[in-house]
PDB file of N, CA and C in Angstrom:
ATOM      1  N   MET A   1      72.996-121.979 179.988  1.00  0.00           N
ATOM      2  CA  MET A   1      72.537-121.256 178.849  1.00  0.00           C
ATOM      3  C   MET A   1      72.858-122.020 177.555  1.00  0.00           C
ATOM      4  N   LEU A   2      73.997-122.705 177.532  1.00  0.00           N
ATOM      5  CA  LEU A   2      74.371-123.497 176.377  1.00  0.00           C
ATOM      6  C   LEU A   2      73.436-124.689 176.220  1.00  0.00           C
ATOM      7  N   THR A   3      73.030-125.285 177.341  1.00  0.00           N
ATOM      8  CA  THR A   3      72.096-126.416 177.282  1.00  0.00           C
ATOM      9  C   THR A   3      70.734-125.955 176.772  1.00  0.00           C
ATOM     10  N   GLN A   4      70.290-124.792 177.202  1.00  0.00           N
ATOM     11  CA  GLN A   4      69.001-124.260 176.729  1.00  0.00           C
ATOM     12  C   GLN A   4      69.068-123.964 175.222  1.00  0.00           C
ATOM     13  N   LEU A   5      70.201-123.473 174.732  1.00  0.00           N
ATOM     14  CA  LEU A   5      70.365-123.208 173.309  1.00  0.00           C
ATOM     15  C   LEU A   5      70.334-124.501 172.502  1.00  0.00           C
ATOM     16  N   LEU A   6      70.958-125.552 173.019  1.00  0.00           N
ATOM     17  CA  LEU A   6      70.976-126.827 172.309  1.00  0.00           C
ATOM     18  C   LEU A   6      69.599-127.487 172.283  1.00  0.00           C
ATOM     19  N   ARG A   7      68.788-127.290 173.303  1.00  0.00           N
ATOM     20  CA  ARG A   7      67.454-127.901 173.363  1.00  0.00           C
ATOM     21  C   ARG A   7      66.373-127.057 172.692  1.00  0.00           C
ATOM     22  N   ASP A   8      66.716-125.850 172.291  1.00  0.00           N
ATOM     23  CA  ASP A   8      65.737-124.959 171.665  1.00  0.00           C
ATOM     24  C   ASP A   8      65.394-125.474 170.273  1.00  0.00           C
ATOM     25  N   GLU A   9      64.107-125.754 170.038  1.00  0.00           N
ATOM     26  CA  GLU A   9      63.662-126.244 168.740  1.00  0.00           C
ATOM     27  C   GLU A   9      62.830-125.199 167.992  1.00  0.00           C
ATOM     28  N   GLY A  10      62.708-124.028 168.529  1.00  0.00           N
ATOM     29  CA  GLY A  10      61.979-122.961 167.853  1.00  0.00           C
ATOM     30  C   GLY A  10      62.900-122.266 166.859  1.00  0.00           C
ATOM     31  N   GLY A  11      62.506-122.204 165.625  1.00  0.00           N
ATOM     32  CA  GLY A  11      63.335-121.563 164.608  1.00  0.00           C
ATOM     33  C   GLY A  11      62.884-121.993 163.227  1.00  0.00           C
ATOM     34  N   PHE A  12      63.645-121.625 162.284  1.00  0.00           N
ATOM     35  CA  PHE A  12      63.276-121.892 160.901  1.00  0.00           C
ATOM     36  C   PHE A  12      64.521-122.361 160.167  1.00  0.00           C
ATOM     37  N   ILE A  13      64.443-123.534 159.581  1.00  0.00           N
ATOM     38  CA  ILE A  13      65.568-124.088 158.842  1.00  0.00           C
ATOM     39  C   ILE A  13      65.195-124.082 157.360  1.00  0.00           C
ATOM     40  N   ILE A  14      66.038-123.479 156.556  1.00  0.00           N
ATOM     41  CA  ILE A  14      65.795-123.464 155.121  1.00  0.00           C
ATOM     42  C   ILE A  14      66.268-124.791 154.553  1.00  0.00           C
ATOM     43  N   SER A  15      65.330-125.484 153.952  1.00  0.00           N
ATOM     44  CA  SER A  15      65.672-126.786 153.397  1.00  0.00           C
ATOM     45  C   SER A  15      65.431-126.770 151.885  1.00  0.00           C
ATOM     46  N   ALA A  16      65.840-127.816 151.247  1.00  0.00           N
ATOM     47  CA  ALA A  16      65.683-127.927 149.801  1.00  0.00           C
ATOM     48  C   ALA A  16      64.210-127.969 149.426  1.00  0.00           C
ATOM     49  N   GLU A  17      63.381-128.602 150.265  1.00  0.00           N
ATOM     50  CA  GLU A  17      61.947-128.668 149.964  1.00  0.00           C
ATOM     51  C   GLU A  17      61.314-127.280 149.995  1.00  0.00           C
ATOM     52  N   LEU A  18      61.707-126.465 150.964  1.00  0.00           N
ATOM     53  CA  LEU A  18      61.168-125.119 151.076  1.00  0.00           C
ATOM     54  C   LEU A  18      61.586-124.250 149.882  1.00  0.00           C
ATOM     55  N   VAL A  19      62.823-124.389 149.448  1.00  0.00           N
ATOM     56  CA  VAL A  19      63.296-123.642 148.281  1.00  0.00           C
ATOM     57  C   VAL A  19      62.528-124.076 147.037  1.00  0.00           C
ATOM     58  N   LEU A  20      62.262-125.368 146.889  1.00  0.00           N
ATOM     59  CA  LEU A  20      61.513-125.869 145.740  1.00  0.00           C
ATOM     60  C   LEU A  20      60.077-125.348 145.746  1.00  0.00           C
ATOM     61  N   VAL A  21      59.431-125.385 146.910  1.00  0.00           N
ATOM     62  CA  VAL A  21      58.054-124.891 147.008  1.00  0.00           C
ATOM     63  C   VAL A  21      58.001-123.391 146.737  1.00  0.00           C
ATOM     64  N   ALA A  22      58.920-122.623 147.264  1.00  0.00           N
ATOM     65  CA  ALA A  22      58.941-121.181 147.032  1.00  0.00           C
ATOM     66  C   ALA A  22      59.194-120.865 145.561  1.00  0.00           C
ATOM     67  N   THR A  23      60.064-121.620 144.912  1.00  0.00           N
ATOM     68  CA  THR A  23      60.331-121.415 143.489  1.00  0.00           C
ATOM     69  C   THR A  23      59.094-121.688 142.651  1.00  0.00           C
ATOM     70  N   ILE A  24      58.383-122.760 142.959  1.00  0.00           N
ATOM     71  CA  ILE A  24      57.160-123.092 142.229  1.00  0.00           C
ATOM     72  C   ILE A  24      56.103-122.011 142.445  1.00  0.00           C
ATOM     73  N   CYS A  25      55.996-121.483 143.652  1.00  0.00           N
ATOM     74  CA  CYS A  25      55.030-120.408 143.928  1.00  0.00           C
ATOM     75  C   CYS A  25      55.368-119.143 143.148  1.00  0.00           C
ATOM     76  N   VAL A  26      56.633-118.780 143.085  1.00  0.00           N
ATOM     77  CA  VAL A  26      57.040-117.577 142.357  1.00  0.00           C
ATOM     78  C   VAL A  26      56.783-117.751 140.866  1.00  0.00           C
ATOM     79  N   ILE A  27      57.088-118.906 140.309  1.00  0.00           N
ATOM     80  CA  ILE A  27      56.834-119.157 138.888  1.00  0.00           C
ATOM     81  C   ILE A  27      55.333-119.094 138.609  1.00  0.00           C
ATOM     82  N   GLY A  28      54.527-119.662 139.498  1.00  0.00           N
ATOM     83  CA  GLY A  28      53.069-119.602 139.340  1.00  0.00           C
ATOM     84  C   GLY A  28      52.547-118.181 139.401  1.00  0.00           C
ATOM     85  N   LEU A  29      53.105-117.362 140.289  1.00  0.00           N
ATOM     86  CA  LEU A  29      52.690-115.964 140.371  1.00  0.00           C
ATOM     87  C   LEU A  29      53.044-115.190 139.107  1.00  0.00           C
ATOM     88  N   VAL A  30      54.219-115.430 138.552  1.00  0.00           N
ATOM     89  CA  VAL A  30      54.633-114.729 137.343  1.00  0.00           C
ATOM     90  C   VAL A  30      53.715-115.092 136.182  1.00  0.00           C
ATOM     91  N   VAL A  31      53.416-116.376 136.029  1.00  0.00           N
ATOM     92  CA  VAL A  31      52.522-116.813 134.945  1.00  0.00           C
ATOM     93  C   VAL A  31      51.119-116.253 135.164  1.00  0.00           C
ATOM     94  N   GLY A  32      50.635-116.280 136.392  1.00  0.00           N
ATOM     95  CA  GLY A  32      49.302-115.761 136.691  1.00  0.00           C
ATOM     96  C   GLY A  32      49.189-114.275 136.431  1.00  0.00           C
ATOM     97  N   LEU A  33      50.189-113.506 136.846  1.00  0.00           N
ATOM     98  CA  LEU A  33      50.158-112.062 136.617  1.00  0.00           C
ATOM     99  C   LEU A  33      50.289-111.730 135.129  1.00  0.00           C
ATOM    100  N   SER A  34      51.020-112.547 134.382  1.00  0.00           N
ATOM    101  CA  SER A  34      51.105-112.348 132.935  1.00  0.00           C
ATOM    102  C   SER A  34      49.742-112.567 132.286  1.00  0.00           C
ATOM    103  N   GLU A  35      49.008-113.564 132.722  1.00  0.00           N
ATOM    104  CA  GLU A  35      47.665-113.801 132.185  1.00  0.00           C
ATOM    105  C   GLU A  35      46.703-112.682 132.578  1.00  0.00           C
ATOM    106  N   VAL A  36      46.847-112.147 133.781  1.00  0.00           N
ATOM    107  CA  VAL A  36      46.020-111.007 134.195  1.00  0.00           C
ATOM    108  C   VAL A  36      46.310-109.808 133.301  1.00  0.00           C
ATOM    109  N   GLN A  37      47.591-109.575 132.984  1.00  0.00           N
ATOM    110  CA  GLN A  37      47.964-108.461 132.108  1.00  0.00           C
ATOM    111  C   GLN A  37      47.329-108.619 130.740  1.00  0.00           C
ATOM    112  N   HIS A  38      47.379-109.814 130.160  1.00  0.00           N
ATOM    113  CA  HIS A  38      46.779-110.028 128.841  1.00  0.00           C
ATOM    114  C   HIS A  38      45.259-109.868 128.891  1.00  0.00           C
ATOM    115  N   SER A  39      44.638-110.311 129.967  1.00  0.00           N
ATOM    116  CA  SER A  39      43.185-110.176 130.094  1.00  0.00           C
ATOM    117  C   SER A  39      42.778-108.711 130.212  1.00  0.00           C
ATOM    118  N   ILE A  40      43.527-107.939 130.989  1.00  0.00           N
ATOM    119  CA  ILE A  40      43.224-106.511 131.148  1.00  0.00           C
ATOM    120  C   ILE A  40      43.412-105.791 129.812  1.00  0.00           C
ATOM    121  N   ASN A  41      44.486-106.112 129.076  1.00  0.00           N
ATOM    122  CA  ASN A  41      44.688-105.493 127.766  1.00  0.00           C
ATOM    123  C   ASN A  41      43.558-105.834 126.809  1.00  0.00           C
ATOM    124  N   ALA A  42      43.083-107.076 126.844  1.00  0.00           N
ATOM    125  CA  ALA A  42      41.991-107.478 125.954  1.00  0.00           C
ATOM    126  C   ALA A  42      40.701-106.737 126.310  1.00  0.00           C
ATOM    127  N   GLU A  43      40.407-106.600 127.599  1.00  0.00           N
ATOM    128  CA  GLU A  43      39.187-105.899 128.004  1.00  0.00           C
ATOM    129  C   GLU A  43      39.265-104.406 127.688  1.00  0.00           C
ATOM    130  N   LEU A  44      40.416-103.787 127.900  1.00  0.00           N
ATOM    131  CA  LEU A  44      40.570-102.371 127.557  1.00  0.00           C
ATOM    132  C   LEU A  44      40.469-102.170 126.048  1.00  0.00           C
ATOM    133  N   ASN A  45      40.949-103.137 125.262  1.00  0.00           N
ATOM    134  CA  ASN A  45      40.799-103.073 123.814  1.00  0.00           C
ATOM    135  C   ASN A  45      39.329-103.161 123.430  1.00  0.00           C
ATOM    136  N   ASP A  46      38.551-104.001 124.128  1.00  0.00           N
ATOM    137  CA  ASP A  46      37.111-104.084 123.867  1.00  0.00           C
ATOM    138  C   ASP A  46      36.411-102.766 124.186  1.00  0.00           C
ATOM    139  N   VAL A  47      36.800-102.133 125.291  1.00  0.00           N
ATOM    140  CA  VAL A  47      36.205-100.839 125.656  1.00  0.00           C
ATOM    141  C   VAL A  47      36.556 -99.786 124.612  1.00  0.00           C
ATOM    142  N   ALA A  48      37.802 -99.784 124.157  1.00  0.00           N
ATOM    143  CA  ALA A  48      38.219 -98.828 123.131  1.00  0.00           C
ATOM    144  C   ALA A  48      37.473 -99.074 121.824  1.00  0.00           C
ATOM    145  N   ASP A  49      37.237-100.341 121.475  1.00  0.00           N
ATOM    146  CA  ASP A  49      36.466-100.636 120.264  1.00  0.00           C
ATOM    147  C   ASP A  49      35.031-100.160 120.393  1.00  0.00           C
ATOM    148  N   ALA A  50      34.440-100.309 121.577  1.00  0.00           N
ATOM    149  CA  ALA A  50      33.063 -99.852 121.776  1.00  0.00           C
ATOM    150  C   ALA A  50      32.973 -98.332 121.664  1.00  0.00           C
ATOM    151  N   ILE A  51      33.946 -97.630 122.218  1.00  0.00           N
ATOM    152  CA  ILE A  51      33.951 -96.165 122.118  1.00  0.00           C
ATOM    153  C   ILE A  51      34.210 -95.744 120.671  1.00  0.00           C
ATOM    154  N   GLY A  52      35.114 -96.447 119.985  1.00  0.00           N
ATOM    155  CA  GLY A  52      35.412 -96.111 118.602  1.00  0.00           C
ATOM    156  C   GLY A  52      34.258 -96.390 117.662  1.00  0.00           C
ATOM    157  N   ALA A  53      33.370 -97.315 118.025  1.00  0.00           N
ATOM    158  CA  ALA A  53      32.233 -97.649 117.166  1.00  0.00           C
ATOM    159  C   ALA A  53      31.085 -96.660 117.315  1.00  0.00           C
ATOM    160  N   LEU A  54      31.147 -95.800 118.337  1.00  0.00           N
ATOM    161  CA  LEU A  54      30.089 -94.806 118.500  1.00  0.00           C
ATOM    162  C   LEU A  54      30.127 -93.803 117.350  1.00  0.00           C
ATOM    163  N   ASN A  55      28.977 -93.493 116.806  1.00  0.00           N
ATOM    164  CA  ASN A  55      28.887 -92.493 115.760  1.00  0.00           C
ATOM    165  C   ASN A  55      28.602 -91.149 116.429  1.00  0.00           C
ATOM    166  N   GLN A  56      29.541 -90.239 116.349  1.00  0.00           N
ATOM    167  CA  GLN A  56      29.424 -88.961 117.034  1.00  0.00           C
ATOM    168  C   GLN A  56      28.987 -87.850 116.082  1.00  0.00           C
ATOM    169  N   SER A  57      28.461 -88.224 114.943  1.00  0.00           N
ATOM    170  CA  SER A  57      27.974 -87.221 113.996  1.00  0.00           C
ATOM    171  C   SER A  57      26.731 -86.537 114.553  1.00  0.00           C
ATOM    172  N   TYR A  58      26.544 -85.265 114.190  1.00  0.00           N
ATOM    173  CA  TYR A  58      25.345 -84.542 114.625  1.00  0.00           C
ATOM    174  C   TYR A  58      24.964 -83.518 113.572  1.00  0.00           C
ATOM    175  N   PHE A  59      23.742 -83.055 113.676  1.00  0.00           N
ATOM    176  CA  PHE A  59      23.197 -82.054 112.754  1.00  0.00           C
ATOM    177  C   PHE A  59      22.213 -81.197 113.518  1.00  0.00           C
ATOM    178  N   THR A  60      22.395 -79.899 113.475  1.00  0.00           N
ATOM    179  CA  THR A  60      21.419 -78.982 114.060  1.00  0.00           C
ATOM    180  C   THR A  60      20.970 -78.018 112.979  1.00  0.00           C
ATOM    181  N   SER A  61      19.682 -77.830 112.893  1.00  0.00           N
ATOM    182  CA  SER A  61      19.162 -76.912 111.871  1.00  0.00           C
ATOM    183  C   SER A  61      19.142 -75.494 112.423  1.00  0.00           C
ATOM    184  N   GLY A  62      19.245 -74.531 111.526  1.00  0.00           N
ATOM    185  CA  GLY A  62      19.195 -73.130 111.916  1.00  0.00           C
ATOM    186  C   GLY A  62      17.781 -72.581 111.768  1.00  0.00           C
ATOM    187  N   PHE A  63      17.587 -71.356 112.192  1.00  0.00           N
ATOM    188  CA  PHE A  63      16.282 -70.702 112.029  1.00  0.00           C
ATOM    189  C   PHE A  63      16.513 -69.211 111.796  1.00  0.00           C
ATOM    190  N   HIS A  64      15.519 -68.564 111.282  1.00  0.00           N
ATOM    191  CA  HIS A  64      15.600 -67.116 111.083  1.00  0.00           C
ATOM    192  C   HIS A  64      14.205 -66.511 111.240  1.00  0.00           C
ATOM    193  N   LYS A  65      14.168 -65.222 111.470  1.00  0.00           N
ATOM    194  CA  LYS A  65      12.906 -64.499 111.662  1.00  0.00           C
ATOM    195  C   LYS A  65      12.812 -63.406 110.621  1.00  0.00           C
ATOM    196  N   LEU A  66      11.811 -63.500 109.795  1.00  0.00           N
ATOM    197  CA  LEU A  66      11.548 -62.474 108.782  1.00  0.00           C
ATOM    198  C   LEU A  66      10.305 -61.696 109.192  1.00  0.00           C
ATOM    199  N   ASP A  67      10.326 -60.395 108.922  1.00  0.00           N
ATOM    200  CA  ASP A  67       9.111 -59.614 109.183  1.00  0.00           C
ATOM    201  C   ASP A  67       8.223 -59.634 107.937  1.00  0.00           C
ATOM    202  N   PHE A  68       7.158 -58.852 107.946  1.00  0.00           N
ATOM    203  CA  PHE A  68       6.200 -58.852 106.835  1.00  0.00           C
ATOM    204  C   PHE A  68       6.812 -58.318 105.541  1.00  0.00           C
ATOM    205  N   ASN A  69       7.862 -57.511 105.662  1.00  0.00           N
ATOM    206  CA  ASN A  69       8.506 -56.933 104.475  1.00  0.00           C
ATOM    207  C   ASN A  69       9.618 -57.833 103.931  1.00  0.00           C
ATOM    208  N   GLY A  70       9.876 -58.966 104.585  1.00  0.00           N
ATOM    209  CA  GLY A  70      10.926 -59.886 104.133  1.00  0.00           C
ATOM    210  C   GLY A  70      12.307 -59.547 104.646  1.00  0.00           C
ATOM    211  N   ILE A  71      12.399 -58.669 105.640  1.00  0.00           N
ATOM    212  CA  ILE A  71      13.692 -58.299 106.210  1.00  0.00           C
ATOM    213  C   ILE A  71      14.005 -59.272 107.352  1.00  0.00           C
ATOM    214  N   CYS A  72      15.221 -59.784 107.320  1.00  0.00           N
ATOM    215  CA  CYS A  72      15.647 -60.740 108.351  1.00  0.00           C
ATOM    216  C   CYS A  72      16.094 -59.969 109.590  1.00  0.00           C
ATOM    217  N   HIS A  73      15.474 -60.273 110.720  1.00  0.00           N
ATOM    218  CA  HIS A  73      15.822 -59.598 111.968  1.00  0.00           C
ATOM    219  C   HIS A  73      16.708 -60.459 112.873  1.00  0.00           C
ATOM    220  N   ALA A  74      16.565 -61.753 112.796  1.00  0.00           N
ATOM    221  CA  ALA A  74      17.378 -62.639 113.638  1.00  0.00           C
ATOM    222  C   ALA A  74      17.625 -63.932 112.879  1.00  0.00           C
ATOM    223  N   ALA A  75      18.806 -64.484 113.085  1.00  0.00           N
ATOM    224  CA  ALA A  75      19.142 -65.744 112.409  1.00  0.00           C
ATOM    225  C   ALA A  75      20.107 -66.532 113.275  1.00  0.00           C
ATOM    226  N   SER A  76      19.939 -67.798 113.233  1.00  0.00           N
ATOM    227  CA  SER A  76      20.879 -68.709 113.893  1.00  0.00           C
ATOM    228  C   SER A  76      21.213 -69.793 112.878  1.00  0.00           C
ATOM    229  N   TYR A  77      22.459 -69.962 112.587  1.00  0.00           N
ATOM    230  CA  TYR A  77      22.864 -70.895 111.547  1.00  0.00           C
ATOM    231  C   TYR A  77      23.017 -72.285 112.146  1.00  0.00           C
ATOM    232  N   GLY A  78      22.735 -73.260 111.362  1.00  0.00           N
ATOM    233  CA  GLY A  78      22.871 -74.647 111.797  1.00  0.00           C
ATOM    234  C   GLY A  78      24.320 -75.102 111.781  1.00  0.00           C
ATOM    235  N   SER A  79      24.508 -76.318 112.198  1.00  0.00           N
ATOM    236  CA  SER A  79      25.848 -76.873 112.244  1.00  0.00           C
ATOM    237  C   SER A  79      25.766 -78.363 111.934  1.00  0.00           C
ATOM    238  N   ILE A  80      26.843 -78.896 111.401  1.00  0.00           N
ATOM    239  CA  ILE A  80      26.906 -80.320 111.100  1.00  0.00           C
ATOM    240  C   ILE A  80      28.323 -80.809 111.351  1.00  0.00           C
ATOM    241  N   PHE A  81      28.409 -82.016 111.850  1.00  0.00           N
ATOM    242  CA  PHE A  81      29.703 -82.670 112.047  1.00  0.00           C
ATOM    243  C   PHE A  81      29.556 -84.113 111.616  1.00  0.00           C
ATOM    244  N   THR A  82      30.443 -84.568 110.773  1.00  0.00           N
ATOM    245  CA  THR A  82      30.420 -85.956 110.319  1.00  0.00           C
ATOM    246  C   THR A  82      31.617 -86.673 110.907  1.00  0.00           C
ATOM    247  N   ASP A  83      31.347 -87.749 111.604  1.00  0.00           N
ATOM    248  CA  ASP A  83      32.395 -88.532 112.262  1.00  0.00           C
ATOM    249  C   ASP A  83      32.933 -89.567 111.281  1.00  0.00           C
ATOM    250  N   PHE A  84      34.218 -89.459 110.984  1.00  0.00           N
ATOM    251  CA  PHE A  84      34.869 -90.452 110.141  1.00  0.00           C
ATOM    252  C   PHE A  84      35.656 -91.414 111.013  1.00  0.00           C
ATOM    253  N   SER A  85      35.937 -92.577 110.500  1.00  0.00           N
ATOM    254  CA  SER A  85      36.645 -93.575 111.287  1.00  0.00           C
ATOM    255  C   SER A  85      38.109 -93.164 111.468  1.00  0.00           C
ATOM    256  N   ASP A  86      38.603 -93.313 112.700  1.00  0.00           N
ATOM    257  CA  ASP A  86      39.986 -92.964 113.037  1.00  0.00           C
ATOM    258  C   ASP A  86      40.865 -94.196 112.890  1.00  0.00           C
ATOM    259  N   ASP A  87      42.171 -94.002 113.145  1.00  0.00           N
ATOM    260  CA  ASP A  87      43.123 -95.126 113.053  1.00  0.00           C
ATOM    261  C   ASP A  87      42.825 -96.132 114.143  1.00  0.00           C
ATOM    262  N   CYS A  88      42.724 -96.929 114.594  1.00  0.00           N
ATOM    263  CA  CYS A  88      42.472 -97.815 115.738  1.00  0.00           C
ATOM    264  C   CYS A  88      41.002 -97.905 116.138  1.00  0.00           C
ATOM    265  N   ASP A  89      40.066 -97.388 115.337  1.00  0.00           N
ATOM    266  CA  ASP A  89      38.658 -97.641 115.627  1.00  0.00           C
ATOM    267  C   ASP A  89      38.315 -99.068 115.198  1.00  0.00           C
ATOM    268  N   CYS A  90      37.493 -99.724 115.960  1.00  0.00           N
ATOM    269  CA  CYS A  90      36.968-101.060 115.616  1.00  0.00           C
ATOM    270  C   CYS A  90      38.084-102.077 115.385  1.00  0.00           C
ATOM    271  N   ASN A  91      39.019-102.146 116.300  1.00  0.00           N
ATOM    272  CA  ASN A  91      40.046-103.193 116.353  1.00  0.00           C
ATOM    273  C   ASN A  91      40.955-103.206 115.127  1.00  0.00           C
ATOM    274  N   GLN A  92      41.329-102.041 114.632  1.00  0.00           N
ATOM    275  CA  GLN A  92      42.276-102.003 113.534  1.00  0.00           C
ATOM    276  C   GLN A  92      43.707-102.113 114.039  1.00  0.00           C
ATOM    277  N   CYS A  93      43.933-101.742 115.289  1.00  0.00           N
ATOM    278  CA  CYS A  93      45.259-101.858 115.889  1.00  0.00           C
ATOM    279  C   CYS A  93      45.233-102.995 116.901  1.00  0.00           C
ATOM    280  N   ASP A  94      46.313-103.704 117.029  1.00  0.00           N
ATOM    281  CA  ASP A  94      46.388-104.831 117.951  1.00  0.00           C
ATOM    282  C   ASP A  94      47.224-104.420 119.154  1.00  0.00           C
ATOM    283  N   ILE A  95      46.653-104.587 120.344  1.00  0.00           N
ATOM    284  CA  ILE A  95      47.393-104.318 121.565  1.00  0.00           C
ATOM    285  C   ILE A  95      47.876-105.656 122.092  1.00  0.00           C
ATOM    286  N   SER A  96      49.132-105.933 121.906  1.00  0.00           N
ATOM    287  CA  SER A  96      49.681-107.218 122.315  1.00  0.00           C
ATOM    288  C   SER A  96      51.175-107.042 122.534  1.00  0.00           C
ATOM    289  N   CYS A  97      51.774-108.072 123.062  1.00  0.00           N
ATOM    290  CA  CYS A  97      53.216-108.034 123.292  1.00  0.00           C
ATOM    291  C   CYS A  97      53.944-108.349 121.997  1.00  0.00           C
ATOM    292  N   ASP A  98      54.964-107.592 121.688  1.00  0.00           N
ATOM    293  CA  ASP A  98      55.782-107.847 120.512  1.00  0.00           C
ATOM    294  C   ASP A  98      56.994-108.665 120.921  1.00  0.00           C
ATOM    295  N   ARG A  99      57.555-109.361 119.940  1.00  0.00           N
ATOM    296  CA  ARG A  99      58.758-110.123 120.261  1.00  0.00           C
ATOM    297  C   ARG A  99      59.924-109.153 120.415  1.00  0.00           C
ATOM    298  N   PRO A 100      60.894-109.483 121.246  1.00  0.00           N
ATOM    299  CA  PRO A 100      62.019-108.572 121.450  1.00  0.00           C
ATOM    300  C   PRO A 100      62.888-108.497 120.198  1.00  0.00           C
ATOM    301  N   THR A 101      63.465-107.326 119.973  1.00  0.00           N
ATOM    302  CA  THR A 101      64.380-107.137 118.849  1.00  0.00           C
ATOM    303  C   THR A 101      65.739-106.734 119.411  1.00  0.00           C
ATOM    304  N   PRO A 102      66.789-107.240 118.811  1.00  0.00           N
ATOM    305  CA  PRO A 102      68.119-106.898 119.337  1.00  0.00           C
ATOM    306  C   PRO A 102      68.473-105.451 119.048  1.00  0.00           C
ATOM    307  N   GLU A 103      69.293-104.893 119.906  1.00  0.00           N
ATOM    308  CA  GLU A 103      69.748-103.533 119.722  1.00  0.00           C
ATOM    309  C   GLU A 103      70.908-103.508 118.744  1.00  0.00           C
ATOM    310  N   GLY A 104      71.021-102.406 118.012  1.00  0.00           N
ATOM    311  CA  GLY A 104      72.145-102.234 117.103  1.00  0.00           C
ATOM    312  C   GLY A 104      73.305-101.593 117.842  1.00  0.00           C
ATOM    313  N   PRO A 105      74.442-101.551 117.193  1.00  0.00           N
ATOM    314  CA  PRO A 105      75.585-100.880 117.841  1.00  0.00           C
ATOM    315  C   PRO A 105      75.332 -99.391 117.994  1.00  0.00           C
ATOM    316  N   LYS A 106      75.952 -98.803 118.982  1.00  0.00           N
ATOM    317  CA  LYS A 106      75.740 -97.381 119.249  1.00  0.00           C
ATOM    318  C   LYS A 106      76.263 -96.546 118.094  1.00  0.00           C
ATOM    319  N   GLY A 107      75.507 -95.469 117.779  1.00  0.00           N
ATOM    320  CA  GLY A 107      75.919 -94.577 116.714  1.00  0.00           C
ATOM    321  C   GLY A 107      75.386 -94.966 115.352  1.00  0.00           C
ATOM    322  N   VAL A 108      74.668 -96.092 115.249  1.00  0.00           N
ATOM    323  CA  VAL A 108      74.131 -96.521 113.957  1.00  0.00           C
ATOM    324  C   VAL A 108      72.673 -96.090 113.868  1.00  0.00           C
ATOM    325  N   GLY A 109      72.279 -95.511 112.776  1.00  0.00           N
ATOM    326  CA  GLY A 109      70.888 -95.120 112.575  1.00  0.00           C
ATOM    327  C   GLY A 109      70.486 -93.888 113.357  1.00  0.00           C
ATOM    328  N   GLY A 110      71.437 -93.107 113.825  1.00  0.00           N
ATOM    329  CA  GLY A 110      71.095 -91.873 114.505  1.00  0.00           C
ATOM    330  C   GLY A 110      70.837 -92.038 115.992  1.00  0.00           C
ATOM    331  N   PHE A 111      71.057 -93.217 116.537  1.00  0.00           N
ATOM    332  CA  PHE A 111      70.821 -93.422 117.960  1.00  0.00           C
ATOM    333  C   PHE A 111      72.155 -93.418 118.683  1.00  0.00           C
ATOM    334  N   GLY A 112      72.354 -92.490 119.552  1.00  0.00           N
ATOM    335  CA  GLY A 112      73.543 -92.457 120.379  1.00  0.00           C
ATOM    336  C   GLY A 112      74.729 -91.752 119.748  1.00  0.00           C
ATOM    337  N   GLY A 113      74.647 -91.372 118.506  1.00  0.00           N
ATOM    338  CA  GLY A 113      75.758 -90.683 117.859  1.00  0.00           C
ATOM    339  C   GLY A 113      75.269 -89.393 117.248  1.00  0.00           C
ATOM    340  N   THR A 114      76.018 -88.916 116.296  1.00  0.00           N
ATOM    341  CA  THR A 114      75.558 -87.722 115.603  1.00  0.00           C
ATOM    342  C   THR A 114      74.492 -88.139 114.601  1.00  0.00           C
ATOM    343  N   CYS A 115      73.393 -87.439 114.592  1.00  0.00           N
ATOM    344  CA  CYS A 115      72.290 -87.847 113.713  1.00  0.00           C
ATOM    345  C   CYS A 115      72.053 -86.798 112.645  1.00  0.00           C
ATOM    346  N   ALA A 116      73.089 -86.203 112.135  1.00  0.00           N
ATOM    347  CA  ALA A 116      72.922 -85.217 111.070  1.00  0.00           C
ATOM    348  C   ALA A 116      72.667 -85.954 109.763  1.00  0.00           C
ATOM    349  N   GLY A 117      71.404 -86.044 109.399  1.00  0.00           N
ATOM    350  CA  GLY A 117      71.031 -86.693 108.150  1.00  0.00           C
ATOM    351  C   GLY A 117      70.939 -88.199 108.218  1.00  0.00           C
ATOM    352  N   THR A 118      71.135 -88.818 109.380  1.00  0.00           N
ATOM    353  CA  THR A 118      71.073 -90.280 109.453  1.00  0.00           C
ATOM    354  C   THR A 118      69.711 -90.788 109.857  1.00  0.00           C
ATOM    355  N   CYS A 119      68.791 -89.926 110.249  1.00  0.00           N
ATOM    356  CA  CYS A 119      67.462 -90.358 110.702  1.00  0.00           C
ATOM    357  C   CYS A 119      66.442 -90.353 109.578  1.00  0.00           C
ATOM    358  N   ALA A 120      66.860 -90.211 108.339  1.00  0.00           N
ATOM    359  CA  ALA A 120      65.915 -90.089 107.231  1.00  0.00           C
ATOM    360  C   ALA A 120      65.137 -91.372 107.010  1.00  0.00           C
ATOM    361  N   GLY A 121      65.695 -92.522 107.345  1.00  0.00           N
ATOM    362  CA  GLY A 121      65.011 -93.784 107.110  1.00  0.00           C
ATOM    363  C   GLY A 121      64.014 -94.143 108.190  1.00  0.00           C
ATOM    364  N   PHE A 122      63.913 -93.359 109.239  1.00  0.00           N
ATOM    365  CA  PHE A 122      63.029 -93.720 110.360  1.00  0.00           C
ATOM    366  C   PHE A 122      61.776 -92.908 110.328  1.00  0.00           C
TER     367      PHE A 122
END
């Protein structure tokens, strides 16, 4: 049984070359997935801009029915809606990654401590 174990060549040996290839593959996957994320954000921003550019204003006229004596028997009033531009319509807001900002110490600015009157600047 010991001789069979020594002659057995079936198995997997982790070598430096395999670690290098696996590291390069993982780095490539991270970069590729980051580019996919940016592409998806850009396309969703385009869709949001297209929806924001739609003019949703409308106008419906009313009608009424008068008899021969000038008495109104039925009436339906019209309606109007004017669509104004919202905040983020037509690419006014940027969807992108921001640079990281360091955290402040706990209890400063109303975060993590008592915030009685300390949140006025936010």
